[in-house]
PDB file of N, CA and C in Angstrom:
ATOM      1  N   MET A   1     101.527 -68.268 124.541  1.00  0.00           N
ATOM      2  CA  MET A   1     101.579 -67.861 123.124  1.00  0.00           C
ATOM      3  C   MET A   1     102.939 -67.216 122.162  1.00  0.00           C
ATOM      4  N   MET A   2     103.534 -67.760 121.726  1.00  0.00           N
ATOM      5  CA  MET A   2     104.757 -67.511 120.715  1.00  0.00           C
ATOM      6  C   MET A   2     104.339 -66.535 119.802  1.00  0.00           C
ATOM      7  N   ASN A   3     105.764 -65.673 119.944  1.00  0.00           N
ATOM      8  CA  ASN A   3     105.273 -63.715 118.763  1.00  0.00           C
ATOM      9  C   ASN A   3     105.537 -64.856 117.672  1.00  0.00           C
ATOM     10  N   VAL A   4     104.860 -63.783 116.500  1.00  0.00           N
ATOM     11  CA  VAL A   4     105.241 -63.846 115.327  1.00  0.00           C
ATOM     12  C   VAL A   4     106.754 -63.604 114.475  1.00  0.00           C
ATOM     13  N   TYR A   5     107.361 -63.385 115.396  1.00  0.00           N
ATOM     14  CA  TYR A   5     108.464 -62.980 115.081  1.00  0.00           C
ATOM     15  C   TYR A   5     109.394 -63.837 115.291  1.00  0.00           C
ATOM     16  N   ILE A   6     109.200 -64.310 116.878  1.00  0.00           N
ATOM     17  CA  ILE A   6     110.045 -64.945 117.052  1.00  0.00           C
ATOM     18  C   ILE A   6     110.002 -66.452 116.730  1.00  0.00           C
ATOM     19  N   LEU A   7     108.590 -66.673 115.719  1.00  0.00           N
ATOM     20  CA  LEU A   7     108.227 -68.042 115.242  1.00  0.00           C
ATOM     21  C   LEU A   7     109.046 -68.167 114.110  1.00  0.00           C
ATOM     22  N   SER A   8     108.660 -66.824 113.283  1.00  0.00           N
ATOM     23  CA  SER A   8     109.637 -66.026 111.375  1.00  0.00           C
ATOM     24  C   SER A   8     111.144 -67.009 112.582  1.00  0.00           C
ATOM     25  N   VAL A   9     111.605 -66.017 113.036  1.00  0.00           N
ATOM     26  CA  VAL A   9     112.873 -65.812 113.580  1.00  0.00           C
ATOM     27  C   VAL A   9     113.339 -67.527 113.472  1.00  0.00           C
ATOM     28  N   MET A  10     113.031 -68.821 114.520  1.00  0.00           N
ATOM     29  CA  MET A  10     113.126 -70.261 114.492  1.00  0.00           C
ATOM     30  C   MET A  10     113.435 -70.278 112.819  1.00  0.00           C
ATOM     31  N   PHE A  11     112.202 -70.469 112.127  1.00  0.00           N
ATOM     32  CA  PHE A  11     111.332 -71.143 110.255  1.00  0.00           C
ATOM     33  C   PHE A  11     112.699 -70.191 109.933  1.00  0.00           C
ATOM     34  N   SER A  12     113.097 -69.150 109.861  1.00  0.00           N
ATOM     35  CA  SER A  12     114.535 -68.732 108.906  1.00  0.00           C
ATOM     36  C   SER A  12     115.755 -69.465 109.438  1.00  0.00           C
ATOM     37  N   ILE A  13     115.581 -69.655 110.484  1.00  0.00           N
ATOM     38  CA  ILE A  13     117.374 -70.814 111.468  1.00  0.00           C
ATOM     39  C   ILE A  13     117.292 -72.092 110.340  1.00  0.00           C
ATOM     40  N   VAL A  14     115.815 -73.082 110.602  1.00  0.00           N
ATOM     41  CA  VAL A  14     115.412 -74.316 110.343  1.00  0.00           C
ATOM     42  C   VAL A  14     116.006 -74.181 108.578  1.00  0.00           C
ATOM     43  N   PHE A  15     114.932 -73.207 107.963  1.00  0.00           N
ATOM     44  CA  PHE A  15     115.249 -73.632 106.921  1.00  0.00           C
ATOM     45  C   PHE A  15     116.458 -73.226 106.964  1.00  0.00           C
ATOM     46  N   LEU A  16     117.863 -72.457 106.681  1.00  0.00           N
ATOM     47  CA  LEU A  16     118.394 -72.223 106.507  1.00  0.00           C
ATOM     48  C   LEU A  16     119.560 -73.356 106.456  1.00  0.00           C
ATOM     49  N   VAL A  17     119.766 -74.274 107.661  1.00  0.00           N
ATOM     50  CA  VAL A  17     120.181 -75.272 108.349  1.00  0.00           C
ATOM     51  C   VAL A  17     119.310 -76.475 107.360  1.00  0.00           C
ATOM     52  N   MET A  18     118.594 -76.605 106.942  1.00  0.00           N
ATOM     53  CA  MET A  18     118.148 -77.100 105.735  1.00  0.00           C
ATOM     54  C   MET A  18     118.493 -77.178 104.590  1.00  0.00           C
ATOM     55  N   ILE A  19     118.990 -76.002 104.483  1.00  0.00           N
ATOM     56  CA  ILE A  19     119.163 -76.042 102.283  1.00  0.00           C
ATOM     57  C   ILE A  19     120.479 -76.355 102.508  1.00  0.00           C
ATOM     58  N   ILE A  20     121.192 -75.974 103.561  1.00  0.00           N
ATOM     59  CA  ILE A  20     122.694 -76.101 103.253  1.00  0.00           C
ATOM     60  C   ILE A  20     123.287 -77.529 103.516  1.00  0.00           C
ATOM     61  N   GLU A  21     122.429 -78.037 104.679  1.00  0.00           N
ATOM     62  CA  GLU A  21     122.403 -80.088 104.678  1.00  0.00           C
ATOM     63  C   GLU A  21     122.067 -80.047 103.186  1.00  0.00           C
ATOM     64  N   LEU A  22     121.230 -79.748 102.402  1.00  0.00           N
ATOM     65  CA  LEU A  22     120.462 -80.323 101.162  1.00  0.00           C
ATOM     66  C   LEU A  22     120.911 -79.900 100.395  1.00  0.00           C
ATOM     67  N   VAL A  23     122.390 -78.821 100.651  1.00  0.00           N
ATOM     68  CA  VAL A  23     123.170 -78.794  99.524  1.00  0.00           C
ATOM     69  C   VAL A  23     124.408 -79.515  99.561  1.00  0.00           C
ATOM     70  N   ARG A  24     124.978 -79.869 100.858  1.00  0.00           N
ATOM     71  CA  ARG A  24     125.846 -81.144 101.144  1.00  0.00           C
ATOM     72  C   ARG A  24     125.712 -82.323 100.807  1.00  0.00           C
ATOM     73  N   ARG A  25     124.705 -82.602 101.140  1.00  0.00           N
ATOM     74  CA  ARG A  25     124.015 -84.298 100.723  1.00  0.00           C
ATOM     75  C   ARG A  25     124.157 -84.241  98.897  1.00  0.00           C
ATOM     76  N   ARG A  26     124.134 -83.326  98.572  1.00  0.00           N
ATOM     77  CA  ARG A  26     124.884 -82.601  96.966  1.00  0.00           C
ATOM     78  C   ARG A  26     122.357 -82.912  96.481  1.00  0.00           C
ATOM     79  N   ARG A  27     121.433 -83.019  97.090  1.00  0.00           N
ATOM     80  CA  ARG A  27     120.532 -83.504  96.809  1.00  0.00           C
ATOM     81  C   ARG A  27     119.605 -81.832  96.232  1.00  0.00           C
ATOM     82  N   LEU A  28     120.173 -80.961  96.902  1.00  0.00           N
ATOM     83  CA  LEU A  28     120.078 -79.633  95.841  1.00  0.00           C
ATOM     84  C   LEU A  28     121.485 -78.614  94.967  1.00  0.00           C
ATOM     85  N   LYS A  29     121.082 -78.338  93.755  1.00  0.00           N
ATOM     86  CA  LYS A  29     122.056 -77.861  93.295  1.00  0.00           C
ATOM     87  C   LYS A  29     123.047 -76.215  94.218  1.00  0.00           C
ATOM     88  N   GLU A  30     123.882 -76.390  93.786  1.00  0.00           N
ATOM     89  CA  GLU A  30     124.966 -74.589  94.476  1.00  0.00           C
ATOM     90  C   GLU A  30     124.005 -74.060  93.260  1.00  0.00           C
ATOM     91  N   GLN A  31     123.657 -73.785  92.267  1.00  0.00           N
ATOM     92  CA  GLN A  31     122.718 -72.657  91.353  1.00  0.00           C
ATOM     93  C   GLN A  31     121.160 -72.557  92.210  1.00  0.00           C
ATOM     94  N   TYR A  32     120.557 -72.852  92.441  1.00  0.00           N
ATOM     95  CA  TYR A  32     119.025 -72.955  92.607  1.00  0.00           C
ATOM     96  C   TYR A  32     119.490 -73.185  94.292  1.00  0.00           C
ATOM     97  N   SER A  33     120.273 -73.547  95.412  1.00  0.00           N
ATOM     98  CA  SER A  33     120.459 -72.696  96.939  1.00  0.00           C
ATOM     99  C   SER A  33     120.729 -71.202  97.213  1.00  0.00           C
ATOM    100  N   LEU A  34     121.869 -71.296  96.320  1.00  0.00           N
ATOM    101  CA  LEU A  34     121.993 -69.339  96.524  1.00  0.00           C
ATOM    102  C   LEU A  34     120.470 -68.493  96.478  1.00  0.00           C
ATOM    103  N   LEU A  35     119.021 -69.221  95.871  1.00  0.00           N
ATOM    104  CA  LEU A  35     118.229 -67.934  95.801  1.00  0.00           C
ATOM    105  C   LEU A  35     117.921 -68.025  97.129  1.00  0.00           C
ATOM    106  N   TRP A  36     117.853 -69.794  97.613  1.00  0.00           N
ATOM    107  CA  TRP A  36     117.176 -70.135  98.842  1.00  0.00           C
ATOM    108  C   TRP A  36     117.731 -69.331  99.835  1.00  0.00           C
ATOM    109  N   ILE A  37     119.257 -69.342 100.095  1.00  0.00           N
ATOM    110  CA  ILE A  37     120.165 -69.290 101.076  1.00  0.00           C
ATOM    111  C   ILE A  37     119.210 -67.451 101.250  1.00  0.00           C
ATOM    112  N   LEU A  38     119.737 -66.964  99.773  1.00  0.00           N
ATOM    113  CA  LEU A  38     119.330 -65.603 100.020  1.00  0.00           C
ATOM    114  C   LEU A  38     117.787 -65.723 100.515  1.00  0.00           C
ATOM    115  N   MET A  39     116.711 -65.850 100.172  1.00  0.00           N
ATOM    116  CA  MET A  39     115.297 -65.584 101.055  1.00  0.00           C
ATOM    117  C   MET A  39     115.506 -65.718 102.605  1.00  0.00           C
ATOM    118  N   GLY A  40     115.932 -67.174 102.646  1.00  0.00           N
ATOM    119  CA  GLY A  40     116.503 -67.256 104.754  1.00  0.00           C
ATOM    120  C   GLY A  40     116.930 -65.411 105.005  1.00  0.00           C
ATOM    121  N   PHE A  41     118.245 -65.671 104.755  1.00  0.00           N
ATOM    122  CA  PHE A  41     118.550 -64.835 105.040  1.00  0.00           C
ATOM    123  C   PHE A  41     118.818 -63.036 105.550  1.00  0.00           C
ATOM    124  N   THR A  42     118.010 -63.178 103.917  1.00  0.00           N
ATOM    125  CA  THR A  42     116.258 -61.904 103.883  1.00  0.00           C
ATOM    126  C   THR A  42     115.332 -61.978 104.872  1.00  0.00           C
ATOM    127  N   LEU A  43     114.376 -63.311 104.752  1.00  0.00           N
ATOM    128  CA  LEU A  43     113.630 -63.573 105.834  1.00  0.00           C
ATOM    129  C   LEU A  43     114.166 -63.239 107.582  1.00  0.00           C
ATOM    130  N   LEU A  44     115.375 -63.849 107.930  1.00  0.00           N
ATOM    131  CA  LEU A  44     115.764 -63.775 108.392  1.00  0.00           C
ATOM    132  C   LEU A  44     116.176 -62.221 109.713  1.00  0.00           C
ATOM    133  N   ILE A  45     116.762 -61.685 108.645  1.00  0.00           N
ATOM    134  CA  ILE A  45     116.803 -59.752 108.474  1.00  0.00           C
ATOM    135  C   ILE A  45     116.100 -59.053 108.349  1.00  0.00           C
ATOM    136  N   ILE A  46     114.785 -59.780 108.437  1.00  0.00           N
ATOM    137  CA  ILE A  46     113.525 -58.835 108.373  1.00  0.00           C
ATOM    138  C   ILE A  46     112.872 -58.822 109.385  1.00  0.00           C
ATOM    139  N   SER A  47     113.281 -60.176 110.062  1.00  0.00           N
ATOM    140  CA  SER A  47     112.609 -60.779 111.192  1.00  0.00           C
ATOM    141  C   SER A  47     113.223 -60.298 112.314  1.00  0.00           C
ATOM    142  N   VAL A  48     114.057 -60.032 112.458  1.00  0.00           N
ATOM    143  CA  VAL A  48     114.931 -60.122 113.903  1.00  0.00           C
ATOM    144  C   VAL A  48     114.868 -58.377 113.716  1.00  0.00           C
ATOM    145  N   ASN A  49     113.789 -57.583 112.765  1.00  0.00           N
ATOM    146  CA  ASN A  49     114.153 -56.225 112.436  1.00  0.00           C
ATOM    147  C   ASN A  49     112.948 -55.751 112.882  1.00  0.00           C
ATOM    148  N   VAL A  50     112.379 -55.949 114.299  1.00  0.00           N
ATOM    149  CA  VAL A  50     111.147 -55.809 114.329  1.00  0.00           C
ATOM    150  C   VAL A  50     110.331 -53.968 114.121  1.00  0.00           C
ATOM    151  N   GLN A  51     111.189 -53.526 114.641  1.00  0.00           N
ATOM    152  CA  GLN A  51     110.815 -51.684 114.128  1.00  0.00           C
ATOM    153  C   GLN A  51     111.056 -51.445 112.743  1.00  0.00           C
ATOM    154  N   GLY A  52     111.654 -52.055 112.114  1.00  0.00           N
ATOM    155  CA  GLY A  52     112.032 -52.012 110.565  1.00  0.00           C
ATOM    156  C   GLY A  52     110.907 -52.283 110.362  1.00  0.00           C
ATOM    157  N   VAL A  53     110.274 -53.952 110.153  1.00  0.00           N
ATOM    158  CA  VAL A  53     109.196 -54.323 109.628  1.00  0.00           C
ATOM    159  C   VAL A  53     107.563 -53.364 109.687  1.00  0.00           C
ATOM    160  N   GLU A  54     107.947 -52.913 110.977  1.00  0.00           N
ATOM    161  CA  GLU A  54     106.443 -52.241 111.785  1.00  0.00           C
ATOM    162  C   GLU A  54     106.873 -51.154 111.264  1.00  0.00           C
ATOM    163  N   ARG A  55     107.955 -50.408 110.354  1.00  0.00           N
ATOM    164  CA  ARG A  55     107.545 -49.213 110.058  1.00  0.00           C
ATOM    165  C   ARG A  55     107.654 -49.386 108.586  1.00  0.00           C
ATOM    166  N   LEU A  56     108.116 -50.412 108.256  1.00  0.00           N
ATOM    167  CA  LEU A  56     107.486 -50.163 106.577  1.00  0.00           C
ATOM    168  C   LEU A  56     106.237 -50.619 106.581  1.00  0.00           C
ATOM    169  N   ALA A  57     105.508 -51.349 107.336  1.00  0.00           N
ATOM    170  CA  ALA A  57     104.524 -51.652 107.815  1.00  0.00           C
ATOM    171  C   ALA A  57     103.307 -50.547 107.083  1.00  0.00           C
ATOM    172  N   SER A  58     104.215 -49.578 108.159  1.00  0.00           N
ATOM    173  CA  SER A  58     102.979 -48.419 108.765  1.00  0.00           C
ATOM    174  C   SER A  58     103.553 -47.772 107.202  1.00  0.00           C
ATOM    175  N   PHE A  59     104.917 -47.700 106.288  1.00  0.00           N
ATOM    176  CA  PHE A  59     104.773 -46.860 105.483  1.00  0.00           C
ATOM    177  C   PHE A  59     103.687 -47.461 103.983  1.00  0.00           C
ATOM    178  N   LEU A  60     103.582 -48.396 104.104  1.00  0.00           N
ATOM    179  CA  LEU A  60     102.347 -49.180 103.501  1.00  0.00           C
ATOM    180  C   LEU A  60     101.314 -49.104 103.202  1.00  0.00           C
ATOM    181  N   GLN A  61     100.937 -48.903 104.753  1.00  0.00           N
ATOM    182  CA  GLN A  61      99.946 -48.700 105.028  1.00  0.00           C
ATOM    183  C   GLN A  61      98.940 -49.895 105.597  1.00  0.00           C
ATOM    184  N   ILE A  62     100.096 -51.271 106.282  1.00  0.00           N
ATOM    185  CA  ILE A  62      99.741 -52.082 106.775  1.00  0.00           C
ATOM    186  C   ILE A  62      98.914 -52.298 107.713  1.00  0.00           C
ATOM    187  N   GLU A  63      97.926 -52.654 108.449  1.00  0.00           N
ATOM    188  CA  GLU A  63      98.110 -52.270 109.804  1.00  0.00           C
ATOM    189  C   GLU A  63      98.331 -53.455 110.984  1.00  0.00           C
ATOM    190  N   TYR A  64      98.665 -54.748 110.329  1.00  0.00           N
ATOM    191  CA  TYR A  64      98.872 -55.266 111.198  1.00  0.00           C
ATOM    192  C   TYR A  64     100.817 -56.431 110.596  1.00  0.00           C
ATOM    193  N   ALA A  65     101.286 -55.702 111.067  1.00  0.00           N
ATOM    194  CA  ALA A  65     103.482 -55.434 110.175  1.00  0.00           C
ATOM    195  C   ALA A  65     103.101 -56.772 110.474  1.00  0.00           C
ATOM    196  N   PRO A  66     103.473 -57.874 110.843  1.00  0.00           N
ATOM    197  CA  PRO A  66     104.090 -59.277 110.577  1.00  0.00           C
ATOM    198  C   PRO A  66     103.617 -59.601 108.980  1.00  0.00           C
ATOM    199  N   ALA A  67     102.254 -59.227 108.702  1.00  0.00           N
ATOM    200  CA  ALA A  67     101.998 -59.793 107.685  1.00  0.00           C
ATOM    201  C   ALA A  67     102.820 -59.409 106.596  1.00  0.00           C
ATOM    202  N   LEU A  68     103.794 -58.415 107.135  1.00  0.00           N
ATOM    203  CA  LEU A  68     104.232 -57.972 105.792  1.00  0.00           C
ATOM    204  C   LEU A  68     105.549 -59.117 105.337  1.00  0.00           C
ATOM    205  N   LEU A  69     105.722 -59.920 106.174  1.00  0.00           N
ATOM    206  CA  LEU A  69     106.638 -61.472 107.293  1.00  0.00           C
ATOM    207  C   LEU A  69     105.904 -62.049 106.319  1.00  0.00           C
ATOM    208  N   PHE A  70     104.878 -62.411 105.756  1.00  0.00           N
ATOM    209  CA  PHE A  70     104.095 -63.248 104.879  1.00  0.00           C
ATOM    210  C   PHE A  70     104.205 -62.879 103.512  1.00  0.00           C
ATOM    211  N   LEU A  71     103.877 -61.786 103.280  1.00  0.00           N
ATOM    212  CA  LEU A  71     103.965 -60.977 101.641  1.00  0.00           C
ATOM    213  C   LEU A  71     104.990 -61.484 101.350  1.00  0.00           C
ATOM    214  N   PHE A  72     106.157 -60.499 102.200  1.00  0.00           N
ATOM    215  CA  PHE A  72     107.922 -61.423 101.431  1.00  0.00           C
ATOM    216  C   PHE A  72     107.691 -62.812 101.306  1.00  0.00           C
ATOM    217  N   GLY A  73     107.340 -63.305 101.605  1.00  0.00           N
ATOM    218  CA  GLY A  73     107.085 -64.690 101.569  1.00  0.00           C
ATOM    219  C   GLY A  73     106.575 -65.401 100.417  1.00  0.00           C
ATOM    220  N   LEU A  74     105.244 -64.714  99.907  1.00  0.00           N
ATOM    221  CA  LEU A  74     104.255 -64.708  99.390  1.00  0.00           C
ATOM    222  C   LEU A  74     105.039 -64.341  97.776  1.00  0.00           C
ATOM    223  N   LEU A  75     106.111 -63.375  97.898  1.00  0.00           N
ATOM    224  CA  LEU A  75     106.322 -62.436  96.710  1.00  0.00           C
ATOM    225  C   LEU A  75     107.214 -63.642  96.038  1.00  0.00           C
ATOM    226  N   PHE A  76     108.523 -64.113  96.432  1.00  0.00           N
ATOM    227  CA  PHE A  76     109.187 -64.352  97.240  1.00  0.00           C
ATOM    228  C   PHE A  76     108.788 -66.139  96.102  1.00  0.00           C
ATOM    229  N   CYS A  77     107.743 -67.035  96.709  1.00  0.00           N
ATOM    230  CA  CYS A  77     106.996 -67.914  96.288  1.00  0.00           C
ATOM    231  C   CYS A  77     106.874 -68.011  94.464  1.00  0.00           C
ATOM    232  N   PHE A  78     106.394 -66.729  94.427  1.00  0.00           N
ATOM    233  CA  PHE A  78     105.994 -65.937  93.335  1.00  0.00           C
ATOM    234  C   PHE A  78     106.958 -65.950  92.039  1.00  0.00           C
ATOM    235  N   VAL A  79     107.978 -65.175  92.197  1.00  0.00           N
ATOM    236  CA  VAL A  79     109.132 -64.999  91.765  1.00  0.00           C
ATOM    237  C   VAL A  79     110.196 -66.909  91.681  1.00  0.00           C
ATOM    238  N   LEU A  80     109.953 -67.134  92.602  1.00  0.00           N
ATOM    239  CA  LEU A  80     110.582 -69.159  91.854  1.00  0.00           C
ATOM    240  C   LEU A  80     109.341 -69.375  91.272  1.00  0.00           C
ATOM    241  N   ILE A  81     108.631 -69.603  91.547  1.00  0.00           N
ATOM    242  CA  ILE A  81     107.540 -69.660  90.457  1.00  0.00           C
ATOM    243  C   ILE A  81     108.340 -69.522  88.800  1.00  0.00           C
ATOM    244  N   LEU A  82     108.056 -68.099  89.172  1.00  0.00           N
ATOM    245  CA  LEU A  82     108.256 -67.375  87.162  1.00  0.00           C
ATOM    246  C   LEU A  82     109.523 -68.409  86.810  1.00  0.00           C
ATOM    247  N   HIS A  83     110.842 -68.268  87.767  1.00  0.00           N
ATOM    248  CA  HIS A  83     111.937 -68.750  87.795  1.00  0.00           C
ATOM    249  C   HIS A  83     111.668 -70.376  87.248  1.00  0.00           C
ATOM    250  N   LEU A  84     111.393 -71.223  88.409  1.00  0.00           N
ATOM    251  CA  LEU A  84     111.069 -72.250  87.695  1.00  0.00           C
ATOM    252  C   LEU A  84     110.158 -73.102  86.128  1.00  0.00           C
ATOM    253  N   THR A  85     109.350 -72.597  86.566  1.00  0.00           N
ATOM    254  CA  THR A  85     108.577 -72.523  84.966  1.00  0.00           C
ATOM    255  C   THR A  85     108.997 -71.970  83.491  1.00  0.00           C
ATOM    256  N   LEU A  86     110.255 -70.865  83.768  1.00  0.00           N
ATOM    257  CA  LEU A  86     110.941 -70.810  82.741  1.00  0.00           C
ATOM    258  C   LEU A  86     112.227 -71.715  82.580  1.00  0.00           C
ATOM    259  N   VAL A  87     112.521 -72.204  83.661  1.00  0.00           N
ATOM    260  CA  VAL A  87     113.565 -73.980  83.146  1.00  0.00           C
ATOM    261  C   VAL A  87     112.886 -74.825  82.431  1.00  0.00           C
ATOM    262  N   ILE A  88     111.464 -75.161  83.282  1.00  0.00           N
ATOM    263  CA  ILE A  88     110.612 -75.906  82.751  1.00  0.00           C
ATOM    264  C   ILE A  88     110.366 -75.809  80.981  1.00  0.00           C
ATOM    265  N   THR A  89     110.731 -74.368  80.755  1.00  0.00           N
ATOM    266  CA  THR A  89     110.321 -74.369  78.727  1.00  0.00           C
ATOM    267  C   THR A  89     111.337 -74.390  78.468  1.00  0.00           C
ATOM    268  N   LYS A  90     112.376 -74.095  79.192  1.00  0.00           N
ATOM    269  CA  LYS A  90     114.027 -74.505  78.447  1.00  0.00           C
ATOM    270  C   LYS A  90     114.119 -75.662  78.115  1.00  0.00           C
ATOM    271  N   LEU A  91     113.934 -76.469  79.335  1.00  0.00           N
ATOM    272  CA  LEU A  91     113.931 -78.111  79.178  1.00  0.00           C
ATOM    273  C   LEU A  91     113.176 -78.851  78.466  1.00  0.00           C
ATOM    274  N   SER A  92     111.988 -78.498  78.374  1.00  0.00           N
ATOM    275  CA  SER A  92     111.144 -78.668  77.146  1.00  0.00           C
ATOM    276  C   SER A  92     111.744 -78.833  76.162  1.00  0.00           C
ATOM    277  N   ALA A  93     112.007 -77.071  75.946  1.00  0.00           N
ATOM    278  CA  ALA A  93     112.426 -76.761  74.323  1.00  0.00           C
ATOM    279  C   ALA A  93     113.392 -78.563  73.851  1.00  0.00           C
ATOM    280  N   GLN A  94     114.595 -78.189  74.867  1.00  0.00           N
ATOM    281  CA  GLN A  94     115.595 -79.236  74.871  1.00  0.00           C
ATOM    282  C   GLN A  94     115.250 -80.508  74.317  1.00  0.00           C
ATOM    283  N   VAL A  95     114.314 -81.272  75.436  1.00  0.00           N
ATOM    284  CA  VAL A  95     114.231 -82.478  75.423  1.00  0.00           C
ATOM    285  C   VAL A  95     113.475 -82.549  74.151  1.00  0.00           C
ATOM    286  N   LEU A  96     112.821 -81.497  73.091  1.00  0.00           N
ATOM    287  CA  LEU A  96     111.578 -82.177  72.055  1.00  0.00           C
ATOM    288  C   LEU A  96     113.245 -81.801  70.499  1.00  0.00           C
ATOM    289  N   ARG A  97     114.187 -80.730  71.080  1.00  0.00           N
ATOM    290  CA  ARG A  97     115.420 -80.689  70.359  1.00  0.00           C
ATOM    291  C   ARG A  97     115.424 -82.264  70.321  1.00  0.00           C
ATOM    292  N   LEU A  98     116.729 -82.752  71.277  1.00  0.00           N
ATOM    293  CA  LEU A  98     117.137 -83.762  71.430  1.00  0.00           C
ATOM    294  C   LEU A  98     116.405 -85.455  71.044  1.00  0.00           C
ATOM    295  N   THR A  99     114.848 -85.308  71.038  1.00  0.00           N
ATOM    296  CA  THR A  99     114.358 -86.188  70.831  1.00  0.00           C
ATOM    297  C   THR A  99     114.047 -86.066  69.265  1.00  0.00           C
ATOM    298  N   GLN A 100     113.927 -85.429  68.624  1.00  0.00           N
ATOM    299  CA  GLN A 100     113.850 -84.721  66.964  1.00  0.00           C
ATOM    300  C   GLN A 100     115.210 -85.434  65.908  1.00  0.00           C
ATOM    301  N   GLU A 101     116.187 -84.532  67.621  1.00  0.00           N
ATOM    302  CA  GLU A 101     117.753 -85.126  66.499  1.00  0.00           C
ATOM    303  C   GLU A 101     117.885 -86.639  66.484  1.00  0.00           C
ATOM    304  N   ILE A 102     117.638 -87.263  67.539  1.00  0.00           N
ATOM    305  CA  ILE A 102     117.292 -89.064  67.640  1.00  0.00           C
ATOM    306  C   ILE A 102     116.563 -89.692  66.951  1.00  0.00           C
ATOM    307  N   ALA A 103     115.232 -88.970  66.464  1.00  0.00           N
ATOM    308  CA  ALA A 103     114.005 -89.951  65.304  1.00  0.00           C
ATOM    309  C   ALA A 103     115.401 -89.701  63.775  1.00  0.00           C
ATOM    310  N   ILE A 104     116.133 -87.883  64.044  1.00  0.00           N
ATOM    311  CA  ILE A 104     116.714 -87.942  62.352  1.00  0.00           C
ATOM    312  C   ILE A 104     117.791 -89.413  62.357  1.00  0.00           C
ATOM    313  N   MET A 105     118.821 -88.908  63.238  1.00  0.00           N
ATOM    314  CA  MET A 105     119.588 -90.268  63.896  1.00  0.00           C
ATOM    315  C   MET A 105     119.622 -91.872  63.312  1.00  0.00           C
ATOM    316  N   LYS A 106     118.392 -92.147  64.252  1.00  0.00           N
ATOM    317  CA  LYS A 106     117.942 -93.286  63.423  1.00  0.00           C
ATOM    318  C   LYS A 106     117.195 -93.918  62.424  1.00  0.00           C
ATOM    319  N   GLY A 107     116.779 -92.749  61.703  1.00  0.00           N
ATOM    320  CA  GLY A 107     116.114 -92.933  60.464  1.00  0.00           C
ATOM    321  C   GLY A 107     117.659 -92.803  59.347  1.00  0.00           C
ATOM    322  N   GLU A 108     118.448 -91.917  59.542  1.00  0.00           N
ATOM    323  CA  GLU A 108     120.098 -92.154  58.493  1.00  0.00           C
ATOM    324  C   GLU A 108     120.488 -93.401  59.071  1.00  0.00           C
ATOM    325  N   LYS A 109     120.539 -94.176  60.498  1.00  0.00           N
ATOM    326  CA  LYS A 109     120.591 -95.350  60.268  1.00  0.00           C
ATOM    327  C   LYS A 109     120.450 -96.099  59.998  1.00  0.00           C
ATOM    328  N   ALA A 110     118.499 -96.283  60.116  1.00  0.00           N
ATOM    329  CA  ALA A 110     117.765 -97.572  59.115  1.00  0.00           C
ATOM    330  C   ALA A 110     118.177 -97.503  57.837  1.00  0.00           C
ATOM    331  N   SER A 111     118.133 -96.352  57.465  1.00  0.00           N
ATOM    332  CA  SER A 111     118.465 -95.999  55.610  1.00  0.00           C
ATOM    333  C   SER A 111     119.643 -96.479  55.069  1.00  0.00           C
ATOM    334  N   HIS A 112     120.885 -96.444  56.281  1.00  0.00           N
ATOM    335  CA  HIS A 112     122.132 -96.824  55.287  1.00  0.00           C
ATOM    336  C   HIS A 112     122.240 -98.831  55.985  1.00  0.00           C
ATOM    337  N   ASN A 113     121.615 -99.093  56.974  1.00  0.00           N
ATOM    338  CA  ASN A 113     120.951-100.674  56.752  1.00  0.00           C
ATOM    339  C   ASN A 113     120.709-101.105  55.984  1.00  0.00           C
ATOM    340  N   GLU A 114     119.622-100.418  55.420  1.00  0.00           N
ATOM    341  CA  GLU A 114     118.988-101.055  54.032  1.00  0.00           C
ATOM    342  C   GLU A 114     119.921-100.444  52.866  1.00  0.00           C
ATOM    343  N   HIS A 115     120.743 -99.801  52.225  1.00  0.00           N
ATOM    344  CA  HIS A 115     121.383 -99.757  51.242  1.00  0.00           C
ATOM    345  C   HIS A 115     122.919-100.660  51.648  1.00  0.00           C
ATOM    346  N   ILE A 116     123.053-101.300  52.685  1.00  0.00           N
ATOM    347  CA  ILE A 116     123.822-102.492  53.083  1.00  0.00           C
ATOM    348  C   ILE A 116     123.342-103.638  52.190  1.00  0.00           C
ATOM    349  N   HIS A 117     122.111-103.770  53.099  1.00  0.00           N
ATOM    350  CA  HIS A 117     121.576-105.453  52.625  1.00  0.00           C
ATOM    351  C   HIS A 117     120.952-105.210  51.223  1.00  0.00           C
TER     352      HIS A 117
END
């Protein structure tokens, strides 16, 4: 049976390689990759430091220390979802504004063409 810490280390390494490859192929923008790379390194450091995880779990009164790894992953997902929701909200507002500007410009163009004919 594979130890959860070994599995976590392997996952972290594969995850970091995938992020770097996505950035290299320009499928992931650098500004977003920094957050993912930071998460990968954090998970790797936490996974390698078994005693630290167990001490922190004991301090937080978590009986199964590896569950702390999953808690960190879950919290990261919540932060990422919130960040992406903020980005989507901003982009939606920009799309609405641009759509309105295009409609105004088309209206002005149509009005200008009517005056010519």
